[in-house]
Amino acid sequence: MVPFRLAAVRALSPSLAICAVIPFVPSTPFANIDAGTSVCLALTSMGVYESSSRAGRGTPSTRSWARCVGRADVAYEIAMGFAMSRGIDGVGQLNIGEIIRAQH
């Protein structure tokens, strides 16, 4: 029973940690990190790897885990990187707060 509860916590933790980097109130960000977009990419990747590794471990085959992690996640990270690169190129900074300010 404990592994099932820990799996939910491990899957939810990266999603909640991203909330520390994204400034919801412009005047007072929780964490003003200069490389905020890199932190967002890293944390979203951790969440995807966690969910796909749990899906691969549910099957009795030993190769299914490597196939689950390898195929879908690379395409996901490339698409996220391209989506964030437009904001980074337009502003010239990795700080999410500065990207949001430049959009206004």
C-alpha atoms as a PDB file:
ATOM      1  CA  MET A   1       0.000   0.000   0.000  1.00  0.00           C
ATOM      2  CA  VAL A   2       2.856   2.387   0.735  1.00  0.00           C
ATOM      3  CA  PRO A   3       4.385   2.227  -2.790  1.00  0.00           C
ATOM      4  CA  PHE A   4       1.074   3.286  -4.320  1.00  0.00           C
ATOM      5  CA  ARG A   5       0.871   6.350  -2.072  1.00  0.00           C
ATOM      6  CA  LEU A   6       4.496   7.242  -2.718  1.00  0.00           C
ATOM      7  CA  ALA A   7       3.937   6.953  -6.461  1.00  0.00           C
ATOM      8  CA  ALA A   8       1.226   9.603  -6.304  1.00  0.00           C
ATOM      9  CA  VAL A   9       3.476  11.926  -4.315  1.00  0.00           C
ATOM     10  CA  ARG A  10       6.391  11.384  -6.710  1.00  0.00           C
ATOM     11  CA  ALA A  11       4.193  12.110  -9.711  1.00  0.00           C
ATOM     12  CA  LEU A  12       2.662  15.248  -8.191  1.00  0.00           C
ATOM     13  CA  SER A  13       5.810  16.807  -6.694  1.00  0.00           C
ATOM     14  CA  PRO A  14       7.368  18.182  -9.937  1.00  0.00           C
ATOM     15  CA  SER A  15       4.060  19.762 -10.935  1.00  0.00           C
ATOM     16  CA  LEU A  16       3.785  21.551  -7.617  1.00  0.00           C
ATOM     17  CA  ALA A  17       7.445  22.612  -7.716  1.00  0.00           C
ATOM     18  CA  ILE A  18       6.864  24.439 -11.008  1.00  0.00           C
ATOM     19  CA  CYS A  19       4.479  26.765  -9.167  1.00  0.00           C
ATOM     20  CA  ALA A  20       7.490  28.186  -7.301  1.00  0.00           C
ATOM     21  CA  VAL A  21       9.090  29.382 -10.543  1.00  0.00           C
ATOM     22  CA  ILE A  22       6.059  30.844 -12.329  1.00  0.00           C
ATOM     23  CA  PRO A  23       5.162  34.338 -11.032  1.00  0.00           C
ATOM     24  CA  PHE A  24       1.403  34.446 -10.498  1.00  0.00           C
ATOM     25  CA  VAL A  25       1.540  37.960  -8.996  1.00  0.00           C
ATOM     26  CA  PRO A  26       3.824  40.256 -11.028  1.00  0.00           C
ATOM     27  CA  SER A  27       5.000  42.373  -8.107  1.00  0.00           C
ATOM     28  CA  THR A  28       6.046  39.518  -5.811  1.00  0.00           C
ATOM     29  CA  PRO A  29       7.323  36.322  -7.434  1.00  0.00           C
ATOM     30  CA  PHE A  30       7.864  33.395  -5.091  1.00  0.00           C
ATOM     31  CA  ALA A  31      11.273  32.550  -6.540  1.00  0.00           C
ATOM     32  CA  ASN A  32      12.895  34.937  -8.999  1.00  0.00           C
ATOM     33  CA  ILE A  33      15.217  32.517 -10.790  1.00  0.00           C
ATOM     34  CA  ASP A  34      17.213  33.734 -13.775  1.00  0.00           C
ATOM     35  CA  ALA A  35      17.065  30.297 -15.423  1.00  0.00           C
ATOM     36  CA  GLY A  36      13.365  29.738 -14.732  1.00  0.00           C
ATOM     37  CA  THR A  37      12.606  28.267 -18.141  1.00  0.00           C
ATOM     38  CA  SER A  38      15.333  25.663 -17.677  1.00  0.00           C
ATOM     39  CA  VAL A  39      13.894  24.751 -14.291  1.00  0.00           C
ATOM     40  CA  CYS A  40      10.426  24.379 -15.848  1.00  0.00           C
ATOM     41  CA  LEU A  41      11.748  22.113 -18.590  1.00  0.00           C
ATOM     42  CA  ALA A  42      13.627  19.964 -16.077  1.00  0.00           C
ATOM     43  CA  LEU A  43      10.666  19.609 -13.725  1.00  0.00           C
ATOM     44  CA  THR A  44       8.178  18.771 -16.468  1.00  0.00           C
ATOM     45  CA  SER A  45      10.590  16.151 -17.771  1.00  0.00           C
ATOM     46  CA  MET A  46      10.793  14.579 -14.329  1.00  0.00           C
ATOM     47  CA  GLY A  47       7.019  14.301 -14.169  1.00  0.00           C
ATOM     48  CA  VAL A  48       6.782  12.685 -17.583  1.00  0.00           C
ATOM     49  CA  TYR A  49       9.582  10.221 -16.866  1.00  0.00           C
ATOM     50  CA  GLU A  50       7.943   9.257 -13.589  1.00  0.00           C
ATOM     51  CA  SER A  51       4.559   8.528 -15.149  1.00  0.00           C
ATOM     52  CA  SER A  52       5.977   6.612 -18.112  1.00  0.00           C
ATOM     53  CA  SER A  53       8.318   4.582 -15.934  1.00  0.00           C
ATOM     54  CA  ARG A  54       5.388   3.564 -13.748  1.00  0.00           C
ATOM     55  CA  ALA A  55       3.511   2.482 -16.871  1.00  0.00           C
ATOM     56  CA  GLY A  56       6.471   0.419 -18.025  1.00  0.00           C
ATOM     57  CA  ARG A  57       6.923  -1.250 -14.656  1.00  0.00           C
ATOM     58  CA  GLY A  58       3.338  -2.439 -14.661  1.00  0.00           C
ATOM     59  CA  THR A  59       4.070  -5.011 -17.349  1.00  0.00           C
ATOM     60  CA  PRO A  60       5.966  -8.230 -16.731  1.00  0.00           C
ATOM     61  CA  SER A  61       8.456  -7.631 -19.552  1.00  0.00           C
ATOM     62  CA  THR A  62      11.850  -6.146 -18.640  1.00  0.00           C
ATOM     63  CA  ARG A  63      12.202  -4.267 -21.930  1.00  0.00           C
ATOM     64  CA  SER A  64       8.894  -2.438 -21.735  1.00  0.00           C
ATOM     65  CA  TRP A  65      10.210   0.070 -19.190  1.00  0.00           C
ATOM     66  CA  ALA A  66      13.027   1.203 -21.483  1.00  0.00           C
ATOM     67  CA  ARG A  67      10.678   1.454 -24.451  1.00  0.00           C
ATOM     68  CA  CYS A  68       8.124   3.526 -22.520  1.00  0.00           C
ATOM     69  CA  VAL A  69      10.716   5.988 -21.303  1.00  0.00           C
ATOM     70  CA  GLY A  70      12.631   6.259 -24.553  1.00  0.00           C
ATOM     71  CA  ARG A  71      10.021   6.887 -27.213  1.00  0.00           C
ATOM     72  CA  ALA A  72       7.362   9.279 -25.983  1.00  0.00           C
ATOM     73  CA  ASP A  73       9.452  11.456 -23.727  1.00  0.00           C
ATOM     74  CA  VAL A  74      11.987  12.608 -26.278  1.00  0.00           C
ATOM     75  CA  ALA A  75       9.249  13.966 -28.547  1.00  0.00           C
ATOM     76  CA  TYR A  76       7.564  15.665 -25.581  1.00  0.00           C
ATOM     77  CA  GLU A  77      10.746  17.441 -24.473  1.00  0.00           C
ATOM     78  CA  ILE A  78      11.585  18.627 -27.983  1.00  0.00           C
ATOM     79  CA  ALA A  79       8.127  20.160 -28.387  1.00  0.00           C
ATOM     80  CA  MET A  80       8.355  21.874 -24.982  1.00  0.00           C
ATOM     81  CA  GLY A  81      11.790  23.256 -25.836  1.00  0.00           C
ATOM     82  CA  PHE A  82      10.577  24.686 -29.135  1.00  0.00           C
ATOM     83  CA  ALA A  83       7.537  26.244 -27.469  1.00  0.00           C
ATOM     84  CA  MET A  84       9.668  27.959 -24.840  1.00  0.00           C
ATOM     85  CA  SER A  85      12.368  29.007 -27.287  1.00  0.00           C
ATOM     86  CA  ARG A  86      10.067  31.559 -28.937  1.00  0.00           C
ATOM     87  CA  GLY A  87       9.646  33.453 -25.696  1.00  0.00           C
ATOM     88  CA  ILE A  88      13.338  33.192 -24.882  1.00  0.00           C
ATOM     89  CA  ASP A  89      14.387  34.447 -28.334  1.00  0.00           C
ATOM     90  CA  GLY A  90      11.972  37.346 -28.245  1.00  0.00           C
ATOM     91  CA  VAL A  91      13.110  38.642 -24.872  1.00  0.00           C
ATOM     92  CA  GLY A  92      16.676  37.366 -24.701  1.00  0.00           C
ATOM     93  CA  GLN A  93      16.383  36.109 -21.103  1.00  0.00           C
ATOM     94  CA  LEU A  94      15.576  32.852 -19.346  1.00  0.00           C
ATOM     95  CA  ASN A  95      13.684  34.531 -16.492  1.00  0.00           C
ATOM     96  CA  ILE A  96       9.969  33.767 -16.763  1.00  0.00           C
ATOM     97  CA  GLY A  97       9.003  37.023 -15.051  1.00  0.00           C
ATOM     98  CA  GLU A  98      10.906  39.048 -17.655  1.00  0.00           C
ATOM     99  CA  ILE A  99       9.263  37.085 -20.480  1.00  0.00           C
ATOM    100  CA  ILE A 100       5.824  37.836 -19.023  1.00  0.00           C
ATOM    101  CA  ARG A 101       6.675  41.538 -18.592  1.00  0.00           C
ATOM    102  CA  ALA A 102       7.880  41.737 -22.206  1.00  0.00           C
ATOM    103  CA  GLN A 103       4.589  40.279 -23.442  1.00  0.00           C
ATOM    104  CA  HIS A 104       2.628  43.092 -21.808  1.00  0.00           C
END
